[in-house]
Amino acid sequence: MDDQLSEADEKIYDVVVEKYYERNIAPMLKRIEGTEFQTIDEMLDAYYDVYNRYDAAAIRSGVFLDFLIDKGNLRQISDEDTLGKFIEAVWPACGKAIASFQGGQTKALGFIIGAVLKESGGRGNPDVIQRLVRAKLQ
């Protein structure tokens, strides 16, 4: 038996994959885009994990989405007060980077932001962190 798909089978396969994406993955991406997961890969990993455990119809309806996000502790943190606490926690350890940044080395900002992201468990919103760190450095 030939392992290669015929051209007709390939077209059918492409249509099936496209329909599956449209019906199952695209609605979830629209619902959580930019707010719940740090990356699409993270979202897809979580989606497939749940898909393998629960009824596909319930998953497509979004019933398990909030449960999944909360259980996996995957919500992105954008709250300025919470992020401010993370910044305060790492600030003493970032003394050299702070001095470098104030001395004109703008790359040092990335080190500080990275330290805050690490402190937040990777869930801190990098844009908000950057804005707060820049404000603190002024």
Protein backbone atom coordinates (compact mmCIF):
# COMPACT_ATOMS: atom_id res chain seq x y z
CA MET A 1 0.00 0.00 0.00
CA ASP A 2 1.29 3.42 -0.95
CA ASP A 3 1.80 5.80 1.99
CA GLN A 4 1.49 8.84 -0.24
CA LEU A 5 -1.88 10.58 -0.51
CA SER A 6 -3.35 10.96 -3.94
CA GLU A 7 -3.90 14.52 -5.12
CA ALA A 8 -7.65 14.15 -4.54
CA ASP A 9 -7.10 12.74 -1.05
CA GLU A 10 -4.70 15.57 -0.28
CA LYS A 11 -7.34 18.16 -1.21
CA ILE A 12 -9.92 16.39 0.98
CA TYR A 13 -7.42 16.27 3.85
CA ASP A 14 -6.71 20.00 3.49
CA VAL A 15 -10.43 20.81 3.58
CA VAL A 16 -10.96 18.63 6.66
CA VAL A 17 -8.04 20.26 8.50
CA GLU A 18 -9.26 23.74 7.54
CA LYS A 19 -12.81 22.97 8.73
CA TYR A 20 -11.51 21.52 11.97
CA TYR A 21 -9.45 24.66 12.57
CA GLU A 22 -12.40 26.95 11.74
CA ARG A 23 -14.80 25.10 14.01
CA ASN A 24 -12.57 24.23 16.96
CA ILE A 25 -9.40 26.24 17.25
CA ALA A 26 -10.20 29.61 15.64
CA PRO A 27 -13.11 30.41 18.03
CA MET A 28 -10.90 29.66 21.02
CA LEU A 29 -8.11 31.82 19.64
CA LYS A 30 -10.53 34.71 19.13
CA ARG A 31 -11.83 34.38 22.67
CA ILE A 32 -8.48 34.33 24.40
CA GLU A 33 -6.18 36.13 21.97
CA GLY A 34 -3.74 38.34 23.80
CA THR A 35 -5.35 38.02 27.21
CA GLU A 36 -5.15 34.50 28.51
CA PHE A 37 -2.06 32.76 27.13
CA GLN A 38 1.42 34.06 26.56
CA THR A 39 1.82 32.15 23.27
CA ILE A 40 -0.34 30.30 20.80
CA ASP A 41 1.75 27.16 21.45
CA GLU A 42 0.87 27.37 25.13
CA MET A 43 -2.81 27.68 24.22
CA LEU A 44 -2.68 24.77 21.79
CA ASP A 45 -0.87 22.53 24.29
CA ALA A 46 -3.55 23.28 26.86
CA TYR A 47 -6.32 22.81 24.30
CA TYR A 48 -5.07 19.37 23.24
CA ASP A 49 -4.54 18.32 26.85
CA VAL A 50 -8.16 19.11 27.65
CA TYR A 51 -9.41 17.75 24.31
CA ASN A 52 -7.93 14.39 25.18
CA ARG A 53 -9.71 14.35 28.56
CA TYR A 54 -13.17 15.77 27.88
CA ASP A 55 -16.01 15.61 25.42
CA ALA A 56 -15.09 17.49 22.25
CA ALA A 57 -18.54 19.11 21.96
CA ALA A 58 -18.25 20.59 25.44
CA ILE A 59 -14.78 21.89 24.68
CA ARG A 60 -15.89 23.54 21.44
CA SER A 61 -18.64 25.30 23.34
CA GLY A 62 -16.02 26.93 25.57
CA VAL A 63 -17.42 25.39 28.77
CA PHE A 64 -14.00 24.20 29.88
CA LEU A 65 -11.97 27.16 28.64
CA ASP A 66 -12.15 29.29 31.78
CA PHE A 67 -11.68 26.19 33.92
CA LEU A 68 -8.60 25.27 31.90
CA ILE A 69 -7.12 28.75 32.12
CA ASP A 70 -7.69 29.02 35.86
CA LYS A 71 -6.61 25.46 36.66
CA GLY A 72 -3.45 25.81 34.64
CA ASN A 73 -2.78 29.20 36.21
CA LEU A 74 -2.35 30.53 32.68
CA ARG A 75 -3.96 33.96 32.94
CA GLN A 76 -1.65 36.74 31.97
CA ILE A 77 -1.11 39.26 34.77
CA SER A 78 -1.69 42.85 33.67
CA ASP A 79 -2.71 44.33 37.01
CA GLU A 80 -0.28 47.17 37.76
CA ASP A 81 -0.39 46.70 41.54
CA THR A 82 0.48 43.01 41.26
CA LEU A 83 3.22 43.65 38.72
CA GLY A 84 4.52 46.47 40.91
CA LYS A 85 5.02 43.95 43.73
CA PHE A 86 7.04 41.73 41.40
CA ILE A 87 9.14 44.73 40.35
CA GLU A 88 9.79 45.65 43.98
CA ALA A 89 10.79 42.05 44.73
CA VAL A 90 13.50 41.96 42.04
CA TRP A 91 14.64 45.59 42.21
CA PRO A 92 17.43 45.06 44.80
CA ALA A 93 18.94 42.23 42.75
CA CYS A 94 18.94 44.37 39.60
CA GLY A 95 21.29 47.04 40.92
CA LYS A 96 23.97 46.56 38.24
CA ALA A 97 21.38 46.53 35.44
CA ILE A 98 19.73 49.67 36.81
CA ALA A 99 23.09 51.43 36.95
CA SER A 100 23.92 50.26 33.41
CA PHE A 101 20.58 51.50 32.09
CA GLN A 102 21.01 54.86 33.77
CA GLY A 103 24.50 54.95 32.27
CA GLY A 104 23.01 54.70 28.78
CA GLN A 105 23.02 50.96 28.14
CA THR A 106 19.43 50.43 27.05
CA LYS A 107 19.88 46.66 26.73
CA ALA A 108 19.97 46.47 30.52
CA LEU A 109 16.23 47.18 30.48
CA GLY A 110 15.71 43.71 28.98
CA PHE A 111 17.52 42.13 31.93
CA ILE A 112 15.25 43.92 34.42
CA ILE A 113 12.11 43.02 32.49
CA GLY A 114 13.31 39.41 32.28
CA ALA A 115 13.82 39.31 36.04
CA VAL A 116 10.28 40.59 36.62
CA LEU A 117 8.86 38.07 34.14
CA LYS A 118 10.72 35.29 35.94
CA GLU A 119 9.39 36.49 39.29
CA SER A 120 5.85 36.43 37.88
CA GLY A 121 6.26 32.86 36.69
CA GLY A 122 6.23 34.02 33.08
CA ARG A 123 2.68 35.33 33.38
CA GLY A 124 3.39 39.06 33.61
CA ASN A 125 2.32 41.19 30.67
CA PRO A 126 5.66 42.31 29.16
CA ASP A 127 4.24 45.58 27.80
CA VAL A 128 2.88 46.63 31.18
CA ILE A 129 6.08 45.51 32.93
CA GLN A 130 8.20 47.57 30.53
CA ARG A 131 6.05 50.67 31.07
CA LEU A 132 6.19 50.29 34.87
CA VAL A 133 9.96 49.64 34.92
CA ARG A 134 10.62 52.62 32.66
CA ALA A 135 8.52 54.82 34.94
CA LYS A 136 10.44 53.58 37.99
CA LEU A 137 13.75 54.26 36.28
CA GLN A 138 12.82 57.90 35.55
